[in-house]
Amino acid sequence: MKSYLNTENIARSKGGVEYHPLRPFLPEHAKVLFLGSFPPQRKRWSMDFFYPNFINDHWRIEGQIFFGDKNHFVDLETKRFKLDEIVAFCQEKGLAFFDTSTAIRRLQDNASDKFLEVVEPTDIPELLHQLPHCRAIVTTGEKATETFCASLSIPAIPKVNTSVTIPDTQNLDGDPILLYRLPSSSRAYPLAFDKKVAAYQQMFMQTL
């Protein structure tokens, strides 16, 4: 099984600073790039990939949209996500993943974004350079959206369920790349699962 862990970054995490423990997942033909804030602590992981927290509903949302089954990517017996199936699915559909921060400090011992201090934002243009067919970047929370907009000097932070054109970007087709802000897949975000599914489905219909 291929590992997506960035062991070099894990080793250099010290002094309260955590470097991103995963390598960017960037299929060359990807049309959508998901950018969260930063992975939760390793003790909360159920797989070595993005959105690893078993009580985060990202993979249930995608299972419901593409397979009509929110548990399509869920191993209910072991309470883990099906990593190999998720990776194959993302490669087939052209979905890329990373986060808006490459290094952070946790101001409290939990997974809440509001207690993350960004030490080093991600080089977004470098990610896009590796994704020539990208049509949209999706941020899935307030912290991720704020960090993204600050990194690319976007003055107005888009509201949830809206999209804006990212200045000075275009793909190989010459189309500008869009920023979609979607509701967080965290269960801490107060929105019904079905409404989150509808929001993500609308984005996929416009981008894939």
Protein backbone atom coordinates (compact mmCIF):
# COMPACT_ATOMS: atom_id res chain seq x y z
CA MET A 1 0.00 0.00 0.00
CA LYS A 2 1.39 3.41 -0.95
CA SER A 3 2.02 5.73 1.99
CA TYR A 4 0.96 9.36 1.86
CA LEU A 5 2.76 10.24 5.08
CA ASN A 6 5.47 12.89 4.90
CA THR A 7 7.89 11.29 7.36
CA GLU A 8 10.43 14.08 6.94
CA ASN A 9 7.90 16.66 8.07
CA ILE A 10 6.75 14.48 10.98
CA ALA A 11 10.36 14.22 12.15
CA ARG A 12 10.97 17.96 11.99
CA SER A 13 7.84 18.80 14.01
CA LYS A 14 9.08 20.01 17.39
CA GLY A 15 8.93 22.92 19.78
CA GLY A 16 5.18 23.13 19.45
CA VAL A 17 5.35 23.57 15.66
CA GLU A 18 3.75 20.82 13.56
CA TYR A 19 4.68 20.44 9.91
CA HIS A 20 2.15 18.86 7.61
CA PRO A 21 2.22 15.08 8.13
CA LEU A 22 0.87 14.25 4.65
CA ARG A 23 2.23 14.79 1.17
CA PRO A 24 -0.06 16.69 -1.21
CA PHE A 25 -2.32 14.36 -3.17
CA LEU A 26 -2.25 15.84 -6.68
CA PRO A 27 -3.49 13.68 -9.58
CA GLU A 28 -2.20 15.45 -12.70
CA HIS A 29 -5.65 15.51 -14.33
CA ALA A 30 -7.41 16.77 -11.19
CA LYS A 31 -10.16 19.33 -11.73
CA VAL A 32 -10.94 20.10 -8.08
CA LEU A 33 -8.49 20.83 -5.27
CA PHE A 34 -9.83 20.54 -1.71
CA LEU A 35 -7.99 22.65 0.86
CA GLY A 36 -8.76 22.25 4.53
CA SER A 37 -6.90 23.95 7.36
CA PHE A 38 -4.61 21.24 8.80
CA PRO A 39 -5.06 17.59 9.84
CA PRO A 40 -6.20 16.82 13.39
CA GLN A 41 -3.83 15.25 15.90
CA ARG A 42 -2.67 11.77 14.89
CA LYS A 43 -4.57 10.19 17.79
CA ARG A 44 -7.78 11.14 15.96
CA TRP A 45 -6.85 9.50 12.64
CA SER A 46 -8.57 6.44 11.24
CA MET A 47 -6.38 6.36 8.10
CA ASP A 48 -3.23 8.01 6.73
CA PHE A 49 -4.97 10.36 4.32
CA PHE A 50 -6.96 13.57 4.23
CA TYR A 51 -10.05 13.97 6.42
CA PRO A 52 -8.92 11.04 8.60
CA ASN A 53 -11.08 11.74 11.66
CA PHE A 54 -13.78 9.07 11.75
CA ILE A 55 -16.39 11.55 12.99
CA ASN A 56 -15.68 13.97 10.13
CA ASP A 57 -18.27 13.45 7.40
CA HIS A 58 -16.27 14.40 4.30
CA TRP A 59 -16.07 10.85 2.96
CA ARG A 60 -19.68 10.14 3.93
CA ILE A 61 -20.73 13.21 1.92
CA GLU A 62 -18.85 11.96 -1.14
CA GLY A 63 -20.19 8.44 -0.65
CA GLN A 64 -23.74 9.77 -0.58
CA ILE A 65 -23.25 11.94 -3.66
CA PHE A 66 -21.51 9.46 -5.94
CA PHE A 67 -22.85 6.11 -4.68
CA GLY A 68 -26.10 6.96 -2.88
CA ASP A 69 -24.62 5.47 0.31
CA LYS A 70 -23.03 7.59 3.02
CA ASN A 71 -21.18 4.52 4.28
CA HIS A 72 -19.70 3.56 0.92
CA PHE A 73 -16.18 4.49 2.11
CA VAL A 74 -16.76 3.43 5.72
CA ASP A 75 -15.69 0.17 7.35
CA LEU A 76 -18.33 0.06 10.05
CA GLU A 77 -16.84 -2.94 11.80
CA THR A 78 -13.40 -1.42 12.38
CA LYS A 79 -14.59 2.21 12.43
CA ARG A 80 -12.11 3.20 9.78
CA PHE A 81 -12.33 4.64 6.29
CA LYS A 82 -11.49 2.47 3.27
CA LEU A 83 -8.24 4.12 2.21
CA ASP A 84 -7.57 2.15 -0.97
CA GLU A 85 -11.09 2.73 -2.28
CA ILE A 86 -10.91 6.44 -1.45
CA VAL A 87 -7.59 6.90 -3.25
CA ALA A 88 -8.76 5.01 -6.35
CA PHE A 89 -11.98 7.03 -6.41
CA CYS A 90 -10.15 10.37 -6.12
CA GLN A 91 -7.72 9.41 -8.87
CA GLU A 92 -10.60 8.39 -11.14
CA LYS A 93 -12.67 11.54 -10.50
CA GLY A 94 -9.74 13.95 -10.50
CA LEU A 95 -9.88 15.17 -6.91
CA ALA A 96 -6.77 16.65 -5.28
CA PHE A 97 -6.18 17.34 -1.58
CA PHE A 98 -3.95 19.37 0.66
CA ASP A 99 -4.34 22.13 3.26
CA THR A 100 -3.89 25.88 3.48
CA SER A 101 -1.23 25.60 6.20
CA THR A 102 2.09 23.75 5.93
CA ALA A 103 3.06 24.41 9.57
CA ILE A 104 0.96 25.34 12.59
CA ARG A 105 0.88 25.58 16.36
CA ARG A 106 -2.05 24.18 18.35
CA LEU A 107 -3.03 26.68 21.02
CA GLN A 108 -5.21 24.08 22.72
CA ASP A 109 -5.16 20.29 22.80
CA ASN A 110 -8.04 19.71 20.41
CA ALA A 111 -8.94 19.63 16.73
CA SER A 112 -10.70 23.00 16.57
CA ASP A 113 -9.56 25.29 13.75
CA LYS A 114 -10.03 28.38 15.88
CA PHE A 115 -7.13 27.27 18.08
CA LEU A 116 -4.69 26.81 15.17
CA GLU A 117 -1.96 29.41 14.71
CA VAL A 118 -0.63 29.44 11.15
CA VAL A 119 3.17 29.37 11.17
CA GLU A 120 3.68 28.72 7.46
CA PRO A 121 0.91 29.05 4.87
CA THR A 122 0.94 26.68 1.91
CA ASP A 123 2.37 27.85 -1.41
CA ILE A 124 -0.94 27.70 -3.32
CA PRO A 125 0.47 28.82 -6.71
CA GLU A 126 2.98 25.94 -6.54
CA LEU A 127 0.15 23.46 -5.99
CA LEU A 128 -1.77 24.91 -8.94
CA HIS A 129 1.36 24.69 -11.08
CA GLN A 130 1.13 20.91 -10.62
CA LEU A 131 -2.60 20.86 -11.49
CA PRO A 132 -2.88 22.27 -15.03
CA HIS A 133 -6.50 21.13 -15.44
CA CYS A 134 -7.78 22.50 -12.14
CA ARG A 135 -11.12 24.28 -12.41
CA ALA A 136 -11.85 24.99 -8.78
CA ILE A 137 -10.35 25.15 -5.32
CA VAL A 138 -12.69 24.24 -2.48
CA THR A 139 -12.14 25.45 1.06
CA THR A 140 -14.14 23.61 3.69
CA GLY A 141 -14.06 25.84 6.74
CA GLU A 142 -13.61 29.39 7.97
CA LYS A 143 -9.94 29.03 8.95
CA ALA A 144 -9.01 27.47 5.60
CA THR A 145 -10.87 30.17 3.68
CA GLU A 146 -9.31 33.00 5.67
CA THR A 147 -5.80 31.56 5.27
CA PHE A 148 -6.32 31.00 1.55
CA CYS A 149 -7.62 34.52 0.94
CA ALA A 150 -4.78 36.06 2.95
CA SER A 151 -2.19 34.04 1.01
CA LEU A 152 -3.54 35.14 -2.37
CA SER A 153 -4.48 38.70 -1.30
CA ILE A 154 -8.20 38.18 -1.95
CA PRO A 155 -9.80 41.11 -0.09
CA ALA A 156 -13.32 39.77 0.42
CA ILE A 157 -13.78 36.38 2.07
CA PRO A 158 -16.64 34.59 0.26
CA LYS A 159 -19.67 33.49 2.22
CA VAL A 160 -20.54 29.82 2.63
CA ASN A 161 -22.08 28.28 -0.52
CA THR A 162 -20.70 30.96 -2.81
CA SER A 163 -17.79 31.09 -5.25
CA VAL A 164 -15.44 33.79 -6.53
CA THR A 165 -12.85 33.96 -9.29
CA ILE A 166 -9.29 33.68 -8.02
CA PRO A 167 -7.33 36.65 -9.45
CA ASP A 168 -4.49 36.00 -11.89
CA THR A 169 -5.17 32.28 -12.29
CA GLN A 170 -6.13 30.14 -15.24
CA ASN A 171 -5.91 26.51 -16.28
CA LEU A 172 -4.68 24.99 -19.55
CA ASP A 173 -8.03 25.75 -21.17
CA GLY A 174 -7.54 29.43 -20.36
CA ASP A 175 -10.41 29.48 -17.86
CA PRO A 176 -10.05 31.30 -14.55
CA ILE A 177 -9.95 29.09 -11.46
CA LEU A 178 -12.80 29.47 -8.99
CA LEU A 179 -12.74 29.42 -5.22
CA TYR A 180 -15.74 27.65 -3.72
CA ARG A 181 -16.42 28.01 -0.03
CA LEU A 182 -18.44 25.04 1.18
CA PRO A 183 -19.76 24.20 4.64
CA SER A 184 -17.32 22.32 6.81
CA SER A 185 -17.74 18.55 6.87
CA SER A 186 -16.98 18.61 10.60
CA ARG A 187 -19.95 17.65 12.73
CA ALA A 188 -19.19 20.72 14.83
CA TYR A 189 -20.47 22.84 11.94
CA PRO A 190 -24.20 23.34 12.59
CA LEU A 191 -25.78 22.24 9.33
CA ALA A 192 -27.76 19.09 8.55
CA PHE A 193 -25.92 16.33 6.70
CA ASP A 194 -28.38 16.41 3.77
CA LYS A 195 -27.81 20.14 3.29
CA LYS A 196 -24.06 19.63 3.25
CA VAL A 197 -24.55 16.90 0.64
CA ALA A 198 -26.63 19.27 -1.51
CA ALA A 199 -23.96 22.00 -1.33
CA TYR A 200 -21.11 19.66 -2.29
CA GLN A 201 -23.18 18.06 -5.05
CA GLN A 202 -23.89 21.43 -6.63
CA MET A 203 -20.18 22.22 -6.70
CA PHE A 204 -19.34 18.85 -8.27
CA MET A 205 -22.02 19.33 -10.93
CA GLN A 206 -20.37 22.61 -11.95
CA THR A 207 -16.76 21.43 -11.92
CA LEU A 208 -16.45 17.75 -12.90
